[in-house]
Amino acid sequence: MRFGYVISETDASVPRSARMLEAQGWDIVAAGEHVSFNLPVPNTFVSLAAAAAATTRVHLMSTMTLLPLYPAGLAAKMASALDNISGGRLLFGVGLGGENPNEFAACAVPVRQRGSRMDESLKVIRALWGGEPESFDGRYYSFEDVQISPAPLQRPGPPIWVAGRQDAAMRRAAAHGDGWMPYMYSPEMLTASLDTINSYRERPEPVQAGVYLWSCVHEDRATAVKYTEESLGDTYRQSFSSMVDTYLAVGDVDDVVRRTTEYIEAGARTVIFRSAAPTSYAAQNLQMLTTEVLPRLRAALRAVPQRSSVCDSLLSHKGEVV
């Protein structure tokens, strides 16, 4: 079981934040990206390269690289380079994007082609990660005897985590992914999606399950809900009042622990927390996740073999600091 946290800084504080998360015991430092968005947003390759140089243990996860915006060969090279400089710690999360058509226009990529481009890019990336000269003839890419050197340190390449919500994303995860990382999902949706992916999957190894979880924890639940609605409303320019209890982990410590546990029991073995709080409360939100939520979750998970469920175990570990 692994827990990660998304850093969203766009300045020179990225290395410091990554070191802090590693020192706090997080398993994964994650970073997302957009070319153009409603708010300032980093680039995942740049942020994770800075984090790699500042850390030695934590895994580094792109959440998510908007793969259709990149030439496939360039994405393969950048991911391989990042895996090498991090000592083999990259988890390559990829997403489709499309909610902001302007960034696709800026990259000269038609939005309507993003799905087919992503599928072909994943094939190209897998081939180029092999480390030998490769040829490819597809709809968007055609080349002969292209080799990436150095190849990724992880063999046969960094784990690919596919994000999304719809059936096409599930098919993509089944065909190309090592992991499935949905967002704005309920626990019930996660369980159902895993069943669907397994029904599509032809690869022998099962897909790993995760969840990208917006979260705000506060001693007062009403305040946490208020912070979340304000923060995500500013981020996405829409109301989240009907989504807080369905897709997020929001409330006091008990609320957030209970909700996260529901995702774990639904199948998630990697949970990536993203702060759903205003800038003025983000540091305190992270502190409460680190010192109050994670210890409860980890204590409960250690006790699972002796109990019927994680939820049962949580009842006896309330308040325990590990």
Protein backbone atom coordinates (compact mmCIF):
# COMPACT_ATOMS: atom_id res chain seq x y z
CA MET A 1 0.00 0.00 0.00
CA ARG A 2 1.42 3.37 -1.03
CA PHE A 3 0.35 6.92 -0.29
CA GLY A 4 1.39 9.93 -2.33
CA TYR A 5 0.86 13.66 -2.36
CA VAL A 6 0.66 16.07 -5.30
CA ILE A 7 2.96 19.08 -5.26
CA SER A 8 1.56 22.01 -7.21
CA GLU A 9 4.29 24.63 -6.75
CA THR A 10 5.51 26.37 -9.87
CA ASP A 11 8.64 28.01 -8.43
CA ALA A 12 11.96 27.22 -6.78
CA SER A 13 10.23 25.69 -3.74
CA VAL A 14 9.67 22.36 -5.54
CA PRO A 15 12.89 20.68 -4.28
CA ARG A 16 12.16 21.77 -0.71
CA SER A 17 8.61 20.44 -0.88
CA ALA A 18 9.81 17.11 -2.27
CA ARG A 19 12.43 16.74 0.48
CA MET A 20 9.81 17.54 3.09
CA LEU A 21 7.38 14.92 1.79
CA GLU A 22 10.14 12.31 1.75
CA ALA A 23 11.14 13.20 5.32
CA GLN A 24 7.50 12.97 6.41
CA GLY A 25 7.32 9.39 5.18
CA TRP A 26 5.22 9.71 2.06
CA ASP A 27 5.78 6.97 -0.50
CA ILE A 28 5.21 9.03 -3.65
CA VAL A 29 5.78 12.63 -4.70
CA ALA A 30 3.39 13.41 -7.56
CA ALA A 31 3.03 16.33 -9.96
CA GLY A 32 0.53 17.18 -12.66
CA GLU A 33 0.57 19.50 -15.63
CA HIS A 34 -1.23 21.60 -18.18
CA VAL A 35 0.11 23.75 -20.97
CA SER A 36 -2.64 26.30 -20.29
CA PHE A 37 -5.22 26.24 -17.51
CA ASN A 38 -7.40 28.37 -15.26
CA LEU A 39 -4.62 28.67 -12.68
CA PRO A 40 -0.81 28.50 -12.76
CA VAL A 41 0.14 24.83 -13.28
CA PRO A 42 3.59 23.17 -13.45
CA ASN A 43 5.00 20.77 -16.01
CA THR A 44 5.27 17.26 -14.61
CA PHE A 45 8.65 16.40 -16.18
CA VAL A 46 10.25 19.60 -14.87
CA SER A 47 8.76 19.30 -11.38
CA LEU A 48 9.66 15.64 -11.00
CA ALA A 49 13.20 16.23 -12.27
CA ALA A 50 13.64 18.85 -9.55
CA ALA A 51 12.12 16.45 -7.02
CA ALA A 52 14.40 13.64 -8.18
CA ALA A 53 17.49 15.72 -7.55
CA ALA A 54 16.30 16.59 -4.04
CA THR A 55 15.27 13.10 -2.86
CA THR A 56 16.63 9.56 -2.71
CA ARG A 57 13.77 7.23 -1.68
CA VAL A 58 10.31 8.35 -2.74
CA HIS A 59 8.80 7.30 -6.02
CA LEU A 60 8.01 10.09 -8.47
CA MET A 61 4.66 9.96 -10.24
CA SER A 62 3.35 12.06 -13.11
CA THR A 63 -0.32 12.72 -12.38
CA MET A 64 -0.79 13.05 -15.20
CA THR A 65 1.39 13.63 -18.25
CA LEU A 66 -1.02 14.82 -20.95
CA LEU A 67 0.39 12.39 -23.45
CA PRO A 68 -1.47 13.50 -26.62
CA LEU A 69 0.24 16.89 -26.37
CA TYR A 70 3.72 15.35 -26.77
CA PRO A 71 5.38 13.77 -29.79
CA ALA A 72 5.59 10.12 -28.77
CA GLY A 73 9.34 9.83 -29.23
CA LEU A 74 9.96 12.93 -27.13
CA ALA A 75 7.73 11.63 -24.32
CA ALA A 76 9.56 8.29 -24.42
CA LYS A 77 12.93 10.03 -24.20
CA MET A 78 11.92 12.41 -21.39
CA ALA A 79 10.42 9.62 -19.31
CA SER A 80 13.50 7.46 -19.87
CA ALA A 81 15.80 10.32 -18.89
CA LEU A 82 13.76 11.00 -15.75
CA ASP A 83 13.82 7.34 -14.79
CA ASN A 84 17.60 7.33 -15.11
CA ILE A 85 18.32 10.50 -13.15
CA SER A 86 15.95 9.38 -10.38
CA GLY A 87 17.59 5.98 -10.04
CA GLY A 88 14.57 4.11 -11.36
CA ARG A 89 11.86 5.78 -9.29
CA LEU A 90 9.47 6.99 -12.00
CA LEU A 91 5.81 5.98 -12.13
CA PHE A 92 4.63 7.22 -15.52
CA GLY A 93 1.04 8.39 -15.20
CA VAL A 94 -0.64 9.42 -18.45
CA GLY A 95 -3.91 11.20 -19.10
CA LEU A 96 -5.98 12.27 -22.06
CA GLY A 97 -6.87 15.87 -21.22
CA GLY A 98 -9.29 17.76 -23.40
CA GLU A 99 -11.18 19.87 -20.90
CA ASN A 100 -9.19 22.87 -22.13
CA PRO A 101 -9.18 22.85 -25.96
CA ASN A 102 -6.95 25.92 -26.12
CA GLU A 103 -3.91 24.01 -24.91
CA PHE A 104 -4.45 21.44 -27.66
CA ALA A 105 -4.62 24.24 -30.20
CA ALA A 106 -1.37 25.67 -28.84
CA CYS A 107 0.29 22.29 -29.40
CA ALA A 108 -1.27 21.82 -32.86
CA VAL A 109 -3.10 18.68 -31.74
CA PRO A 110 -6.78 18.33 -32.73
CA VAL A 111 -8.82 17.57 -29.62
CA ARG A 112 -10.85 14.96 -31.49
CA GLN A 113 -7.66 12.97 -32.17
CA ARG A 114 -6.46 12.85 -28.58
CA GLY A 115 -7.66 9.30 -27.88
CA SER A 116 -6.22 7.70 -31.00
CA ARG A 117 -2.99 9.66 -30.60
CA MET A 118 -2.62 8.52 -27.02
CA ASP A 119 -3.17 4.87 -27.91
CA GLU A 120 -0.56 5.00 -30.66
CA SER A 121 1.86 6.94 -28.47
CA LEU A 122 1.73 4.25 -25.81
CA LYS A 123 2.68 1.65 -28.42
CA VAL A 124 5.57 3.81 -29.61
CA ILE A 125 6.80 4.47 -26.08
CA ARG A 126 6.74 0.79 -25.12
CA ALA A 127 8.70 -0.04 -28.28
CA LEU A 128 11.33 2.68 -27.80
CA TRP A 129 11.84 1.82 -24.14
CA GLY A 130 13.19 -1.55 -25.26
CA GLY A 131 16.60 0.00 -25.82
CA GLU A 132 17.12 -1.50 -29.28
CA PRO A 133 16.60 0.07 -32.71
CA GLU A 134 12.87 0.03 -33.46
CA SER A 135 10.71 0.68 -36.50
CA PHE A 136 7.08 1.70 -36.45
CA ASP A 137 4.41 2.40 -39.03
CA GLY A 138 1.18 3.90 -37.70
CA ARG A 139 -1.38 6.59 -38.32
CA TYR A 140 0.60 9.38 -36.68
CA TYR A 141 4.15 8.01 -36.41
CA SER A 142 6.34 6.25 -38.92
CA PHE A 143 10.06 5.69 -38.44
CA GLU A 144 12.85 3.17 -38.97
CA ASP A 145 15.70 2.08 -36.71
CA VAL A 146 15.18 4.60 -33.93
CA GLN A 147 16.88 3.86 -30.63
CA ILE A 148 16.61 5.63 -27.27
CA SER A 149 19.77 5.52 -25.19
CA PRO A 150 19.99 5.21 -22.31
CA ALA A 151 16.93 3.03 -22.03
CA PRO A 152 14.89 3.42 -18.84
CA LEU A 153 16.60 2.05 -15.78
CA GLN A 154 13.48 0.09 -14.86
CA ARG A 155 12.97 -2.85 -17.18
CA PRO A 156 11.04 -3.16 -19.39
CA GLY A 157 10.21 0.44 -18.48
CA PRO A 158 8.60 2.59 -15.79
CA PRO A 159 5.13 1.38 -14.79
CA ILE A 160 2.51 3.13 -16.90
CA TRP A 161 -0.52 4.35 -14.96
CA VAL A 162 -3.53 5.28 -17.06
CA ALA A 163 -5.94 7.93 -15.81
CA GLY A 164 -9.52 8.51 -16.82
CA ARG A 165 -13.16 7.86 -16.07
CA GLN A 166 -14.80 6.43 -19.17
CA ASP A 167 -14.88 3.06 -20.91
CA ALA A 168 -12.26 4.11 -23.48
CA ALA A 169 -9.82 4.85 -20.64
CA MET A 170 -10.52 1.44 -19.10
CA ARG A 171 -9.79 -0.24 -22.41
CA ARG A 172 -6.56 1.77 -22.64
CA ALA A 173 -5.54 0.69 -19.14
CA ALA A 174 -6.31 -2.94 -20.00
CA ALA A 175 -4.30 -2.83 -23.23
CA HIS A 176 -1.34 -0.65 -22.28
CA GLY A 177 -1.30 0.06 -18.56
CA ASP A 178 0.35 -1.39 -15.49
CA GLY A 179 -1.89 0.70 -13.26
CA TRP A 180 -5.32 2.36 -13.30
CA MET A 181 -5.61 5.80 -11.65
CA PRO A 182 -9.14 7.21 -11.97
CA TYR A 183 -10.11 10.59 -10.54
CA MET A 184 -13.44 12.03 -9.42
CA TYR A 185 -14.54 8.46 -8.76
CA SER A 186 -16.59 6.88 -6.00
CA PRO A 187 -15.42 3.64 -4.33
CA GLU A 188 -18.26 1.82 -6.06
CA MET A 189 -17.13 3.15 -9.43
CA LEU A 190 -13.57 2.01 -8.69
CA THR A 191 -14.67 -1.55 -7.97
CA ALA A 192 -16.82 -1.67 -11.09
CA SER A 193 -14.06 -0.23 -13.27
CA LEU A 194 -11.57 -2.85 -12.08
CA ASP A 195 -14.01 -5.59 -13.02
CA THR A 196 -14.41 -4.00 -16.44
CA ILE A 197 -10.67 -3.63 -17.00
CA ASN A 198 -10.06 -7.24 -16.02
CA SER A 199 -12.70 -8.35 -18.51
CA TYR A 200 -10.87 -6.45 -21.28
CA ARG A 201 -7.33 -7.33 -20.27
CA GLU A 202 -5.32 -9.80 -22.32
CA ARG A 203 -1.98 -9.24 -20.58
CA PRO A 204 -1.20 -11.92 -17.94
CA GLU A 205 -0.42 -9.64 -15.03
CA PRO A 206 -3.34 -7.85 -13.34
CA VAL A 207 -3.65 -4.09 -13.47
CA GLN A 208 -2.67 -2.29 -10.27
CA ALA A 209 -5.41 -0.14 -8.78
CA GLY A 210 -5.13 3.39 -7.46
CA VAL A 211 -7.17 6.53 -6.98
CA TYR A 212 -6.43 10.24 -7.35
CA LEU A 213 -8.17 11.74 -4.35
CA TRP A 214 -8.87 15.42 -3.78
CA SER A 215 -8.94 15.94 -0.01
CA CYS A 216 -9.37 18.55 2.67
CA VAL A 217 -9.18 17.70 6.37
CA HIS A 218 -10.14 20.14 9.11
CA GLU A 219 -11.27 19.71 12.70
CA ASP A 220 -14.59 21.21 11.62
CA ARG A 221 -16.29 19.31 8.77
CA ALA A 222 -18.31 22.32 7.60
CA THR A 223 -15.13 24.34 7.20
CA ALA A 224 -13.47 21.53 5.23
CA VAL A 225 -16.46 21.36 2.88
CA LYS A 226 -16.44 25.14 2.45
CA TYR A 227 -12.71 25.18 1.68
CA THR A 228 -13.11 22.35 -0.84
CA GLU A 229 -16.00 23.92 -2.70
CA GLU A 230 -14.17 27.24 -2.92
CA SER A 231 -10.83 25.73 -3.96
CA LEU A 232 -12.13 23.34 -6.62
CA GLY A 233 -14.64 25.91 -7.84
CA ASP A 234 -11.75 28.28 -8.54
CA THR A 235 -9.71 25.50 -10.15
CA TYR A 236 -12.36 24.12 -12.49
CA ARG A 237 -14.76 27.09 -12.78
CA GLN A 238 -17.78 25.02 -11.76
CA SER A 239 -19.73 24.13 -8.65
CA PHE A 240 -18.62 21.13 -6.58
CA SER A 241 -21.38 21.28 -3.99
CA SER A 242 -22.94 18.03 -5.24
CA MET A 243 -19.64 16.16 -5.57
CA VAL A 244 -17.96 16.49 -2.18
CA ASP A 245 -19.55 13.43 -0.61
CA THR A 246 -19.41 11.38 -3.81
CA TYR A 247 -15.92 11.71 -5.24
CA LEU A 248 -13.70 13.33 -2.58
CA ALA A 249 -12.29 12.74 0.91
CA VAL A 250 -13.37 15.77 2.91
CA GLY A 251 -14.20 16.50 6.54
CA ASP A 252 -12.61 15.95 9.92
CA VAL A 253 -9.94 13.31 10.50
CA ASP A 254 -12.49 10.55 11.06
CA ASP A 255 -14.33 11.50 7.87
CA VAL A 256 -11.20 11.47 5.72
CA VAL A 257 -9.86 8.24 7.21
CA ARG A 258 -13.21 6.53 6.74
CA ARG A 259 -13.60 7.72 3.17
CA THR A 260 -10.05 6.79 2.17
CA THR A 261 -10.58 3.37 3.69
CA GLU A 262 -13.61 2.86 1.47
CA TYR A 263 -11.37 3.36 -1.58
CA ILE A 264 -8.82 0.92 -0.18
CA GLU A 265 -11.50 -1.68 0.39
CA ALA A 266 -12.74 -1.02 -3.15
CA GLY A 267 -9.33 -2.14 -4.44
CA ALA A 268 -7.00 0.88 -4.38
CA ARG A 269 -3.43 0.06 -3.39
CA THR A 270 -2.02 3.45 -4.36
CA VAL A 271 -3.75 6.58 -3.06
CA ILE A 272 -2.60 9.96 -4.35
CA PHE A 273 -3.90 12.83 -2.23
CA ARG A 274 -4.35 16.27 -3.76
CA SER A 275 -5.10 19.24 -1.55
CA ALA A 276 -8.59 20.64 -2.08
CA ALA A 277 -7.95 23.69 0.06
CA PRO A 278 -7.18 27.36 -0.45
CA THR A 279 -3.54 28.38 -0.48
CA SER A 280 -3.86 29.85 3.01
CA TYR A 281 -4.81 26.44 4.42
CA ALA A 282 -2.79 24.10 2.18
CA ALA A 283 0.14 23.70 4.58
CA GLN A 284 -2.16 22.87 7.50
CA ASN A 285 -4.11 20.46 5.33
CA LEU A 286 -0.92 18.61 4.43
CA GLN A 287 0.14 18.60 8.09
CA MET A 288 -3.12 16.98 9.18
CA LEU A 289 -2.96 14.41 6.40
CA THR A 290 0.62 13.58 7.39
CA THR A 291 0.32 13.46 11.17
CA GLU A 292 -3.28 12.36 11.72
CA VAL A 293 -4.71 10.63 8.64
CA LEU A 294 -1.78 8.53 7.40
CA PRO A 295 -0.85 7.05 10.80
CA ARG A 296 -4.42 5.87 11.29
CA LEU A 297 -4.54 4.33 7.84
CA ARG A 298 -1.19 2.58 8.19
CA ALA A 299 -1.97 1.23 11.63
CA ALA A 300 -5.26 -0.16 10.36
CA LEU A 301 -3.63 -1.75 7.33
CA ARG A 302 -1.05 -3.51 9.50
CA ALA A 303 -3.88 -5.00 11.55
CA VAL A 304 -5.99 -6.21 8.63
CA PRO A 305 -4.90 -9.89 8.78
CA GLN A 306 -6.36 -10.14 12.28
CA ARG A 307 -9.59 -8.35 11.44
CA SER A 308 -12.46 -8.62 9.02
CA SER A 309 -11.77 -5.31 7.26
CA VAL A 310 -9.76 -2.12 7.30
CA CYS A 311 -12.82 -0.29 8.63
CA ASP A 312 -13.00 -2.62 11.63
CA SER A 313 -9.33 -2.05 12.30
CA LEU A 314 -9.71 1.72 12.21
CA LEU A 315 -12.04 1.63 15.17
CA SER A 316 -9.32 0.32 17.44
CA HIS A 317 -6.56 2.58 16.12
CA LYS A 318 -8.33 5.93 16.42
CA GLY A 319 -5.88 8.48 17.69
CA GLU A 320 -2.88 6.16 17.45
CA VAL A 321 0.29 7.82 16.18
CA VAL A 322 2.65 5.53 14.33
